[in-house]
Amino acid sequence: MRRATFCGFTLVELLIVVAIVAILIGILIPVIGKIQRDARIKSARMFMDTAIAPAIEEYRLRFKYYPPDDVPSTNGSEILAHHLCRGIRVGEMVYATLIPAKNLVELNGNSFPELLSPLGGTYVYFVLLDTNGNKIGYRVVDPGPDKLLGGTVDPVLGFVVNATDANGDGVPDHLDNIYNPPDK
């Protein structure tokens, strides 16, 4: 008489396979998270370099000065949206938007739309001055993925770093900021 043979896996074999899969997933999740974070940072840097900076320079070429840093408010994201994402009428001439309006976000309670970073934060924008008060350039700062600036704005000195770590991640808040023009 022939004995019946069972085809299949034992409980121990199945547990070993499940444990191996769980270990692999545990290794991959942080790696995938870091890849996604790095991609968002690169996207924000690219938006700053290919959209915001050229739009500010185009504004300067059209109007002979950089966008003011106090109109319509002192919020950098509102300023950039106001000057770069809407048509501007000067006499009979209407200038087209410099950055598409699809990048604007209307925030509840604000009177002006904001231009938000791909990282979800708001920009800091200010005009740089020389020691005589002449406008010599601009600075745009994206606070980065932690949305913490890590410094203060000074029109003559530029962005002044205060190496705080408000979110306690071990990295000073200013190190993940995205600057334009970039630091040398």
N, C-alpha and C. Protein backbone atom coordinates (compact mmCIF):
# COMPACT_ATOMS: atom_id res chain seq x y z
N MET A 1 0.82 -1.16 0.00
CA MET A 1 0.00 0.00 0.00
C MET A 1 0.88 1.25 0.00
N ARG A 2 0.47 2.19 -0.74
CA ARG A 2 1.23 3.41 -0.92
C ARG A 2 0.86 4.45 0.14
N ARG A 3 1.87 5.08 0.69
CA ARG A 3 1.65 6.09 1.71
C ARG A 3 1.37 7.45 1.05
N ALA A 4 0.47 8.20 1.61
CA ALA A 4 0.16 9.51 1.06
C ALA A 4 1.27 10.50 1.43
N THR A 5 1.73 11.26 0.46
CA THR A 5 2.74 12.28 0.73
C THR A 5 2.07 13.65 0.65
N PHE A 6 2.46 14.46 1.59
CA PHE A 6 1.87 15.80 1.63
C PHE A 6 2.83 16.78 0.98
N CYS A 7 2.30 17.56 0.09
CA CYS A 7 3.10 18.62 -0.55
C CYS A 7 2.72 19.94 0.11
N GLY A 8 3.67 20.68 0.52
CA GLY A 8 3.39 21.97 1.15
C GLY A 8 4.54 22.36 2.07
N PHE A 9 4.31 23.46 2.77
CA PHE A 9 5.32 23.98 3.67
C PHE A 9 4.92 23.70 5.11
N THR A 10 5.91 23.52 5.92
CA THR A 10 5.63 23.34 7.34
C THR A 10 5.42 24.72 7.97
N LEU A 11 4.87 24.74 9.15
CA LEU A 11 4.64 25.99 9.86
C LEU A 11 5.95 26.72 10.13
N VAL A 12 6.98 26.01 10.44
CA VAL A 12 8.29 26.63 10.71
C VAL A 12 8.82 27.30 9.44
N GLU A 13 8.70 26.66 8.31
CA GLU A 13 9.17 27.23 7.05
C GLU A 13 8.39 28.52 6.73
N LEU A 14 7.09 28.50 6.93
CA LEU A 14 6.28 29.70 6.68
C LEU A 14 6.67 30.84 7.62
N LEU A 15 6.92 30.55 8.87
CA LEU A 15 7.33 31.58 9.82
C LEU A 15 8.68 32.18 9.45
N ILE A 16 9.59 31.36 8.98
CA ILE A 16 10.90 31.86 8.55
C ILE A 16 10.74 32.82 7.36
N VAL A 17 9.92 32.46 6.40
CA VAL A 17 9.69 33.31 5.22
C VAL A 17 9.04 34.63 5.64
N VAL A 18 8.04 34.58 6.50
CA VAL A 18 7.38 35.79 6.98
C VAL A 18 8.38 36.67 7.73
N ALA A 19 9.25 36.09 8.54
CA ALA A 19 10.25 36.86 9.28
C ALA A 19 11.22 37.54 8.32
N ILE A 20 11.66 36.84 7.30
CA ILE A 20 12.59 37.42 6.32
C ILE A 20 11.92 38.58 5.58
N VAL A 21 10.67 38.40 5.17
CA VAL A 21 9.94 39.48 4.48
C VAL A 21 9.79 40.68 5.40
N ALA A 22 9.47 40.46 6.67
CA ALA A 22 9.30 41.56 7.63
C ALA A 22 10.61 42.31 7.81
N ILE A 23 11.72 41.61 7.89
CA ILE A 23 13.03 42.25 8.02
C ILE A 23 13.34 43.10 6.80
N LEU A 24 13.07 42.57 5.61
CA LEU A 24 13.32 43.33 4.38
C LEU A 24 12.45 44.59 4.32
N ILE A 25 11.20 44.47 4.70
CA ILE A 25 10.31 45.64 4.71
C ILE A 25 10.83 46.67 5.72
N GLY A 26 11.27 46.20 6.88
CA GLY A 26 11.81 47.10 7.89
C GLY A 26 13.04 47.85 7.41
N ILE A 27 13.81 47.23 6.55
CA ILE A 27 15.00 47.89 5.99
C ILE A 27 14.61 48.86 4.89
N LEU A 28 13.63 48.49 4.05
CA LEU A 28 13.27 49.30 2.89
C LEU A 28 12.47 50.55 3.23
N ILE A 29 11.64 50.53 4.24
CA ILE A 29 10.78 51.68 4.53
C ILE A 29 11.60 52.94 4.81
N PRO A 30 12.61 52.92 5.68
CA PRO A 30 13.40 54.15 5.88
C PRO A 30 14.15 54.59 4.62
N VAL A 31 14.62 53.63 3.84
CA VAL A 31 15.36 53.96 2.62
C VAL A 31 14.42 54.66 1.63
N ILE A 32 13.22 54.14 1.47
CA ILE A 32 12.25 54.75 0.56
C ILE A 32 11.86 56.13 1.07
N GLY A 33 11.68 56.29 2.38
CA GLY A 33 11.36 57.60 2.95
C GLY A 33 12.45 58.62 2.67
N LYS A 34 13.71 58.21 2.80
CA LYS A 34 14.83 59.13 2.53
C LYS A 34 14.87 59.50 1.05
N ILE A 35 14.62 58.53 0.19
CA ILE A 35 14.61 58.81 -1.25
C ILE A 35 13.51 59.81 -1.59
N GLN A 36 12.32 59.64 -1.01
CA GLN A 36 11.22 60.57 -1.26
C GLN A 36 11.56 61.96 -0.72
N ARG A 37 12.13 62.04 0.46
CA ARG A 37 12.51 63.34 1.05
C ARG A 37 13.55 64.03 0.17
N ASP A 38 14.56 63.30 -0.27
CA ASP A 38 15.59 63.88 -1.14
C ASP A 38 15.00 64.36 -2.46
N ALA A 39 14.03 63.62 -3.00
CA ALA A 39 13.39 64.02 -4.25
C ALA A 39 12.60 65.32 -4.06
N ARG A 40 11.90 65.46 -2.93
CA ARG A 40 11.17 66.70 -2.66
C ARG A 40 12.13 67.87 -2.51
N ILE A 41 13.26 67.65 -1.86
CA ILE A 41 14.26 68.72 -1.69
C ILE A 41 14.82 69.13 -3.05
N LYS A 42 15.13 68.15 -3.91
CA LYS A 42 15.63 68.47 -5.25
C LYS A 42 14.58 69.22 -6.06
N SER A 43 13.32 68.83 -5.91
CA SER A 43 12.23 69.52 -6.61
C SER A 43 12.13 70.97 -6.14
N ALA A 44 12.24 71.20 -4.85
CA ALA A 44 12.19 72.56 -4.31
C ALA A 44 13.37 73.39 -4.80
N ARG A 45 14.55 72.79 -4.80
CA ARG A 45 15.75 73.50 -5.28
C ARG A 45 15.60 73.84 -6.77
N MET A 46 15.08 72.89 -7.54
CA MET A 46 14.90 73.12 -8.97
C MET A 46 13.87 74.22 -9.22
N PHE A 47 12.77 74.22 -8.44
CA PHE A 47 11.75 75.26 -8.60
C PHE A 47 12.36 76.63 -8.28
N MET A 48 13.18 76.68 -7.25
CA MET A 48 13.83 77.94 -6.88
C MET A 48 14.75 78.40 -8.01
N ASP A 49 15.54 77.48 -8.57
CA ASP A 49 16.53 77.83 -9.58
C ASP A 49 15.93 78.07 -10.97
N THR A 50 14.87 77.34 -11.32
CA THR A 50 14.35 77.44 -12.69
C THR A 50 13.07 78.26 -12.82
N ALA A 51 12.42 78.58 -11.71
CA ALA A 51 11.20 79.37 -11.79
C ALA A 51 11.34 80.69 -11.04
N ILE A 52 11.65 80.63 -9.77
CA ILE A 52 11.65 81.85 -8.96
C ILE A 52 12.79 82.79 -9.35
N ALA A 53 14.02 82.29 -9.37
CA ALA A 53 15.17 83.17 -9.67
C ALA A 53 15.06 83.81 -11.05
N PRO A 54 14.75 83.05 -12.11
CA PRO A 54 14.61 83.71 -13.42
C PRO A 54 13.44 84.71 -13.45
N ALA A 55 12.36 84.41 -12.72
CA ALA A 55 11.23 85.33 -12.70
C ALA A 55 11.60 86.64 -12.00
N ILE A 56 12.36 86.56 -10.93
CA ILE A 56 12.80 87.78 -10.23
C ILE A 56 13.72 88.59 -11.15
N GLU A 57 14.62 87.92 -11.84
CA GLU A 57 15.52 88.64 -12.76
C GLU A 57 14.74 89.23 -13.93
N GLU A 58 13.75 88.52 -14.44
CA GLU A 58 12.90 89.05 -15.52
C GLU A 58 12.14 90.28 -15.02
N TYR A 59 11.64 90.22 -13.80
CA TYR A 59 10.96 91.37 -13.20
C TYR A 59 11.91 92.57 -13.15
N ARG A 60 13.15 92.32 -12.72
CA ARG A 60 14.15 93.40 -12.64
C ARG A 60 14.44 93.99 -14.02
N LEU A 61 14.52 93.13 -15.04
CA LEU A 61 14.76 93.62 -16.39
C LEU A 61 13.59 94.46 -16.91
N ARG A 62 12.37 94.02 -16.61
CA ARG A 62 11.19 94.76 -17.08
C ARG A 62 11.02 96.10 -16.38
N PHE A 63 11.19 96.11 -15.05
CA PHE A 63 10.84 97.28 -14.27
C PHE A 63 12.04 98.04 -13.70
N LYS A 64 13.26 97.55 -13.97
CA LYS A 64 14.51 98.21 -13.56
C LYS A 64 14.79 98.13 -12.06
N TYR A 65 14.07 97.32 -11.32
CA TYR A 65 14.33 97.12 -9.90
C TYR A 65 13.76 95.76 -9.49
N TYR A 66 14.24 95.24 -8.38
CA TYR A 66 13.73 93.97 -7.86
C TYR A 66 12.35 94.20 -7.24
N PRO A 67 11.53 93.16 -7.17
CA PRO A 67 10.23 93.34 -6.51
C PRO A 67 10.44 93.87 -5.09
N PRO A 68 9.62 94.82 -4.66
CA PRO A 68 9.77 95.32 -3.30
C PRO A 68 9.52 94.21 -2.29
N ASP A 69 10.15 94.30 -1.12
CA ASP A 69 9.99 93.24 -0.13
C ASP A 69 8.99 93.58 0.97
N ASP A 70 8.16 94.59 0.70
CA ASP A 70 7.15 94.95 1.69
C ASP A 70 5.76 95.19 1.09
N VAL A 71 5.55 94.77 -0.15
CA VAL A 71 4.26 94.94 -0.81
C VAL A 71 3.84 93.60 -1.39
N PRO A 72 2.67 93.11 -1.17
CA PRO A 72 1.52 93.68 -0.47
C PRO A 72 1.58 93.45 1.05
N SER A 73 2.55 92.71 1.53
CA SER A 73 2.72 92.46 2.96
C SER A 73 4.20 92.22 3.20
N THR A 74 4.57 91.73 4.37
CA THR A 74 5.97 91.38 4.61
C THR A 74 6.18 89.88 4.53
N ASN A 75 5.16 89.12 4.16
CA ASN A 75 5.25 87.67 4.00
C ASN A 75 5.89 87.39 2.64
N GLY A 76 7.05 86.73 2.63
CA GLY A 76 7.79 86.48 1.39
C GLY A 76 6.99 85.71 0.35
N SER A 77 6.18 84.74 0.78
CA SER A 77 5.39 83.96 -0.17
C SER A 77 4.29 84.80 -0.80
N GLU A 78 3.71 85.71 -0.03
CA GLU A 78 2.70 86.61 -0.59
C GLU A 78 3.33 87.61 -1.55
N ILE A 79 4.51 88.11 -1.19
CA ILE A 79 5.22 89.06 -2.06
C ILE A 79 5.53 88.41 -3.40
N LEU A 80 6.11 87.20 -3.38
CA LEU A 80 6.46 86.52 -4.63
C LEU A 80 5.21 86.23 -5.46
N ALA A 81 4.13 85.81 -4.81
CA ALA A 81 2.89 85.55 -5.54
C ALA A 81 2.36 86.83 -6.16
N HIS A 82 2.39 87.91 -5.41
CA HIS A 82 1.85 89.19 -5.87
C HIS A 82 2.61 89.72 -7.08
N HIS A 83 3.93 89.62 -7.05
CA HIS A 83 4.74 90.23 -8.11
C HIS A 83 5.06 89.29 -9.27
N LEU A 84 5.04 87.99 -9.03
CA LEU A 84 5.49 87.07 -10.07
C LEU A 84 4.38 86.19 -10.66
N CYS A 85 3.25 86.08 -9.98
CA CYS A 85 2.22 85.12 -10.41
C CYS A 85 0.94 85.79 -10.89
N ARG A 86 0.99 87.05 -11.17
CA ARG A 86 -0.21 87.72 -11.68
C ARG A 86 0.21 88.67 -12.79
N GLY A 87 -0.73 88.99 -13.65
CA GLY A 87 -0.46 89.95 -14.70
C GLY A 87 -0.29 91.33 -14.08
N ILE A 88 0.63 92.13 -14.60
CA ILE A 88 0.89 93.46 -14.07
C ILE A 88 0.62 94.49 -15.16
N ARG A 89 -0.18 95.49 -14.83
CA ARG A 89 -0.50 96.55 -15.77
C ARG A 89 0.35 97.77 -15.45
N VAL A 90 1.07 98.25 -16.45
CA VAL A 90 1.83 99.49 -16.32
C VAL A 90 1.38 100.37 -17.48
N GLY A 91 0.57 101.37 -17.16
CA GLY A 91 0.00 102.21 -18.22
C GLY A 91 -0.87 101.35 -19.12
N GLU A 92 -0.58 101.35 -20.40
CA GLU A 92 -1.35 100.54 -21.37
C GLU A 92 -0.79 99.13 -21.53
N MET A 93 0.38 98.90 -20.97
CA MET A 93 1.06 97.62 -21.15
C MET A 93 0.65 96.64 -20.04
N VAL A 94 0.27 95.42 -20.44
CA VAL A 94 -0.04 94.37 -19.47
C VAL A 94 1.01 93.29 -19.63
N TYR A 95 1.75 93.03 -18.55
CA TYR A 95 2.79 92.01 -18.56
C TYR A 95 2.20 90.69 -18.09
N ALA A 96 2.59 89.62 -18.76
CA ALA A 96 2.10 88.29 -18.39
C ALA A 96 2.75 87.84 -17.09
N THR A 97 2.14 86.83 -16.50
CA THR A 97 2.70 86.29 -15.26
C THR A 97 4.07 85.68 -15.53
N LEU A 98 4.93 85.72 -14.54
CA LEU A 98 6.27 85.17 -14.67
C LEU A 98 6.34 83.73 -14.14
N ILE A 99 5.46 83.40 -13.21
CA ILE A 99 5.34 82.03 -12.69
C ILE A 99 3.88 81.65 -12.83
N PRO A 100 3.57 80.47 -13.38
CA PRO A 100 2.16 80.09 -13.57
C PRO A 100 1.38 80.12 -12.26
N ALA A 101 0.13 80.54 -12.35
CA ALA A 101 -0.73 80.67 -11.18
C ALA A 101 -1.05 79.33 -10.53
N LYS A 102 -0.77 78.22 -11.20
CA LYS A 102 -1.05 76.91 -10.60
C LYS A 102 -0.21 76.67 -9.34
N ASN A 103 0.85 77.45 -9.15
CA ASN A 103 1.69 77.30 -7.97
C ASN A 103 1.19 78.12 -6.78
N LEU A 104 0.08 78.84 -6.97
CA LEU A 104 -0.46 79.67 -5.89
C LEU A 104 -1.37 78.85 -5.01
N VAL A 105 -1.41 79.22 -3.75
CA VAL A 105 -2.31 78.58 -2.80
C VAL A 105 -3.02 79.69 -2.04
N GLU A 106 -4.34 79.62 -2.04
CA GLU A 106 -5.12 80.56 -1.23
C GLU A 106 -5.23 79.95 0.15
N LEU A 107 -4.70 80.63 1.14
CA LEU A 107 -4.76 80.13 2.51
C LEU A 107 -5.93 80.79 3.24
N ASN A 108 -6.60 80.04 4.06
CA ASN A 108 -7.75 80.56 4.79
C ASN A 108 -7.35 81.75 5.64
N GLY A 109 -8.12 82.81 5.54
CA GLY A 109 -7.90 83.97 6.38
C GLY A 109 -6.91 84.97 5.82
N ASN A 110 -6.12 84.61 4.83
CA ASN A 110 -5.15 85.55 4.26
C ASN A 110 -5.82 86.37 3.18
N SER A 111 -5.42 87.61 3.07
CA SER A 111 -6.00 88.46 2.05
C SER A 111 -5.29 88.29 0.71
N PHE A 112 -4.13 87.68 0.71
CA PHE A 112 -3.38 87.49 -0.53
C PHE A 112 -3.02 86.02 -0.70
N PRO A 113 -3.01 85.53 -1.94
CA PRO A 113 -2.54 84.16 -2.14
C PRO A 113 -1.04 84.07 -1.89
N GLU A 114 -0.56 82.87 -1.61
CA GLU A 114 0.85 82.65 -1.36
C GLU A 114 1.44 81.71 -2.38
N LEU A 115 2.70 81.88 -2.65
CA LEU A 115 3.46 80.95 -3.47
C LEU A 115 4.14 80.02 -2.49
N LEU A 116 3.73 78.75 -2.50
CA LEU A 116 4.28 77.80 -1.54
C LEU A 116 5.38 76.96 -2.17
N SER A 117 6.31 76.57 -1.36
CA SER A 117 7.40 75.70 -1.78
C SER A 117 6.87 74.31 -2.06
N PRO A 118 7.53 73.55 -2.93
CA PRO A 118 7.16 72.14 -3.10
C PRO A 118 7.28 71.34 -1.81
N LEU A 119 8.01 71.88 -0.83
CA LEU A 119 8.13 71.22 0.47
C LEU A 119 7.01 71.61 1.41
N GLY A 120 6.13 72.51 0.97
CA GLY A 120 4.98 72.90 1.77
C GLY A 120 5.18 74.12 2.64
N GLY A 121 6.37 74.66 2.67
CA GLY A 121 6.64 75.83 3.50
C GLY A 121 6.43 77.13 2.75
N THR A 122 6.62 78.22 3.46
CA THR A 122 6.51 79.54 2.85
C THR A 122 7.90 80.14 2.67
N TYR A 123 8.04 80.93 1.63
CA TYR A 123 9.33 81.54 1.31
C TYR A 123 9.58 82.79 2.14
N VAL A 124 10.85 83.09 2.33
CA VAL A 124 11.27 84.37 2.88
C VAL A 124 11.96 85.08 1.71
N TYR A 125 11.52 86.30 1.44
CA TYR A 125 12.10 87.08 0.34
C TYR A 125 12.47 88.45 0.88
N PHE A 126 13.65 88.93 0.53
CA PHE A 126 14.03 90.28 0.92
C PHE A 126 15.04 90.84 -0.07
N VAL A 127 15.02 92.16 -0.19
CA VAL A 127 15.94 92.87 -1.06
C VAL A 127 17.19 93.18 -0.25
N LEU A 128 18.35 92.97 -0.86
CA LEU A 128 19.63 93.26 -0.20
C LEU A 128 20.03 94.70 -0.47
N LEU A 129 20.60 95.33 0.54
CA LEU A 129 21.03 96.72 0.43
C LEU A 129 22.52 96.82 0.71
N ASP A 130 23.16 97.79 0.08
CA ASP A 130 24.55 98.05 0.46
C ASP A 130 24.53 98.97 1.68
N THR A 131 25.69 99.35 2.16
CA THR A 131 25.76 100.16 3.39
C THR A 131 25.16 101.56 3.20
N ASN A 132 25.01 101.99 1.94
CA ASN A 132 24.40 103.30 1.67
C ASN A 132 22.89 103.20 1.46
N GLY A 133 22.33 101.99 1.55
CA GLY A 133 20.89 101.81 1.37
C GLY A 133 20.46 101.58 -0.06
N ASN A 134 21.42 101.39 -0.98
CA ASN A 134 21.08 101.10 -2.38
C ASN A 134 20.73 99.63 -2.54
N LYS A 135 19.71 99.35 -3.34
CA LYS A 135 19.30 97.97 -3.58
C LYS A 135 20.30 97.30 -4.52
N ILE A 136 20.90 96.21 -4.04
CA ILE A 136 21.97 95.57 -4.82
C ILE A 136 21.66 94.12 -5.19
N GLY A 137 20.57 93.60 -4.74
CA GLY A 137 20.24 92.21 -5.05
C GLY A 137 19.05 91.76 -4.24
N TYR A 138 18.88 90.45 -4.17
CA TYR A 138 17.77 89.88 -3.43
C TYR A 138 18.19 88.57 -2.82
N ARG A 139 17.36 88.05 -1.96
CA ARG A 139 17.59 86.73 -1.37
C ARG A 139 16.23 86.07 -1.16
N VAL A 140 16.12 84.84 -1.60
CA VAL A 140 14.93 84.03 -1.33
C VAL A 140 15.41 82.82 -0.54
N VAL A 141 14.70 82.51 0.54
CA VAL A 141 15.05 81.37 1.37
C VAL A 141 13.82 80.48 1.52
N ASP A 142 14.00 79.21 1.21
CA ASP A 142 12.99 78.19 1.46
C ASP A 142 13.42 77.48 2.74
N PRO A 143 12.59 77.47 3.78
CA PRO A 143 13.01 76.88 5.05
C PRO A 143 13.32 75.39 5.01
N GLY A 144 13.03 74.71 3.92
CA GLY A 144 13.38 73.30 3.80
C GLY A 144 12.31 72.38 4.35
N PRO A 145 12.62 71.09 4.42
CA PRO A 145 11.62 70.11 4.82
C PRO A 145 11.12 70.26 6.25
N ASP A 146 11.94 70.82 7.14
CA ASP A 146 11.47 70.98 8.53
C ASP A 146 10.68 72.27 8.72
N LYS A 147 10.63 73.12 7.68
CA LYS A 147 9.89 74.39 7.69
C LYS A 147 10.36 75.35 8.78
N LEU A 148 11.60 75.19 9.24
CA LEU A 148 12.18 76.06 10.26
C LEU A 148 13.33 76.83 9.64
N LEU A 149 13.31 78.14 9.79
CA LEU A 149 14.26 79.00 9.09
C LEU A 149 15.68 78.94 9.65
N GLY A 150 15.87 78.99 10.93
CA GLY A 150 17.21 78.90 11.50
C GLY A 150 18.05 80.13 11.29
N GLY A 151 17.42 81.28 11.24
CA GLY A 151 18.17 82.51 11.07
C GLY A 151 17.24 83.70 10.99
N THR A 152 17.85 84.86 10.79
CA THR A 152 17.09 86.10 10.67
C THR A 152 17.50 86.83 9.41
N VAL A 153 16.67 87.77 9.03
CA VAL A 153 16.90 88.54 7.81
C VAL A 153 17.48 89.90 8.18
N ASP A 154 18.55 90.26 7.49
CA ASP A 154 19.13 91.59 7.64
C ASP A 154 19.37 92.12 6.22
N PRO A 155 18.77 93.26 5.86
CA PRO A 155 18.89 93.74 4.48
C PRO A 155 20.33 94.02 4.03
N VAL A 156 21.22 94.34 4.97
CA VAL A 156 22.62 94.62 4.61
C VAL A 156 23.46 93.35 4.69
N LEU A 157 23.30 92.58 5.75
CA LEU A 157 24.10 91.37 5.95
C LEU A 157 23.54 90.15 5.21
N GLY A 158 22.28 90.21 4.82
CA GLY A 158 21.64 89.07 4.17
C GLY A 158 20.99 88.17 5.20
N PHE A 159 21.08 86.88 4.99
CA PHE A 159 20.50 85.92 5.92
C PHE A 159 21.53 85.62 7.01
N VAL A 160 21.19 85.91 8.24
CA VAL A 160 22.10 85.72 9.37
C VAL A 160 21.71 84.44 10.10
N VAL A 161 22.62 83.48 10.12
CA VAL A 161 22.36 82.17 10.70
C VAL A 161 22.41 82.22 12.21
N ASN A 162 21.46 81.54 12.86
CA ASN A 162 21.56 81.28 14.30
C ASN A 162 21.40 79.78 14.46
N ALA A 163 22.43 79.06 14.56
CA ALA A 163 22.49 77.60 14.44
C ALA A 163 21.64 76.85 15.48
N THR A 164 20.35 77.18 15.55
CA THR A 164 19.46 76.49 16.47
C THR A 164 18.97 75.19 15.86
N ASP A 165 18.49 74.30 16.70
CA ASP A 165 17.89 73.03 16.26
C ASP A 165 16.53 72.90 16.95
N ALA A 166 15.58 73.72 16.51
CA ALA A 166 14.28 73.81 17.18
C ALA A 166 13.50 72.50 17.13
N ASN A 167 13.67 71.71 16.08
CA ASN A 167 12.92 70.46 15.99
C ASN A 167 13.67 69.28 16.60
N GLY A 168 14.88 69.50 17.09
CA GLY A 168 15.63 68.46 17.79
C GLY A 168 16.06 67.28 16.94
N ASP A 169 16.25 67.49 15.64
CA ASP A 169 16.66 66.38 14.78
C ASP A 169 18.17 66.22 14.68
N GLY A 170 18.91 67.04 15.41
CA GLY A 170 20.36 66.94 15.39
C GLY A 170 21.02 67.73 14.28
N VAL A 171 20.23 68.39 13.43
CA VAL A 171 20.76 69.18 12.33
C VAL A 171 20.32 70.62 12.55
N PRO A 172 21.25 71.58 12.61
CA PRO A 172 20.84 72.97 12.75
C PRO A 172 19.85 73.36 11.65
N ASP A 173 18.84 74.13 12.02
CA ASP A 173 17.73 74.43 11.12
C ASP A 173 18.15 75.11 9.82
N HIS A 174 19.23 75.89 9.84
CA HIS A 174 19.64 76.60 8.64
C HIS A 174 20.30 75.69 7.60
N LEU A 175 20.73 74.49 7.98
CA LEU A 175 21.46 73.64 7.04
C LEU A 175 20.57 73.00 5.98
N ASP A 176 19.26 72.89 6.25
CA ASP A 176 18.40 72.32 5.21
C ASP A 176 17.63 73.40 4.46
N ASN A 177 17.94 74.69 4.74
CA ASN A 177 17.33 75.76 3.97
C ASN A 177 17.85 75.71 2.54
N ILE A 178 17.03 76.23 1.62
CA ILE A 178 17.43 76.36 0.22
C ILE A 178 17.52 77.84 -0.05
N TYR A 179 18.67 78.28 -0.53
CA TYR A 179 18.92 79.70 -0.72
C TYR A 179 19.04 80.03 -2.20
N ASN A 180 18.54 81.22 -2.57
CA ASN A 180 18.80 81.74 -3.89
C ASN A 180 19.02 83.23 -3.75
N PRO A 181 20.10 83.78 -4.24
CA PRO A 181 21.21 83.08 -4.85
C PRO A 181 21.84 82.12 -3.84
N PRO A 182 22.39 81.01 -4.34
CA PRO A 182 22.98 80.03 -3.43
C PRO A 182 24.20 80.58 -2.70
N ASP A 183 24.45 80.02 -1.52
CA ASP A 183 25.65 80.41 -0.79
C ASP A 183 26.88 79.99 -1.56
N LYS A 184 27.89 80.79 -1.49
CA LYS A 184 29.15 80.47 -2.21
C LYS A 184 29.97 79.51 -1.38
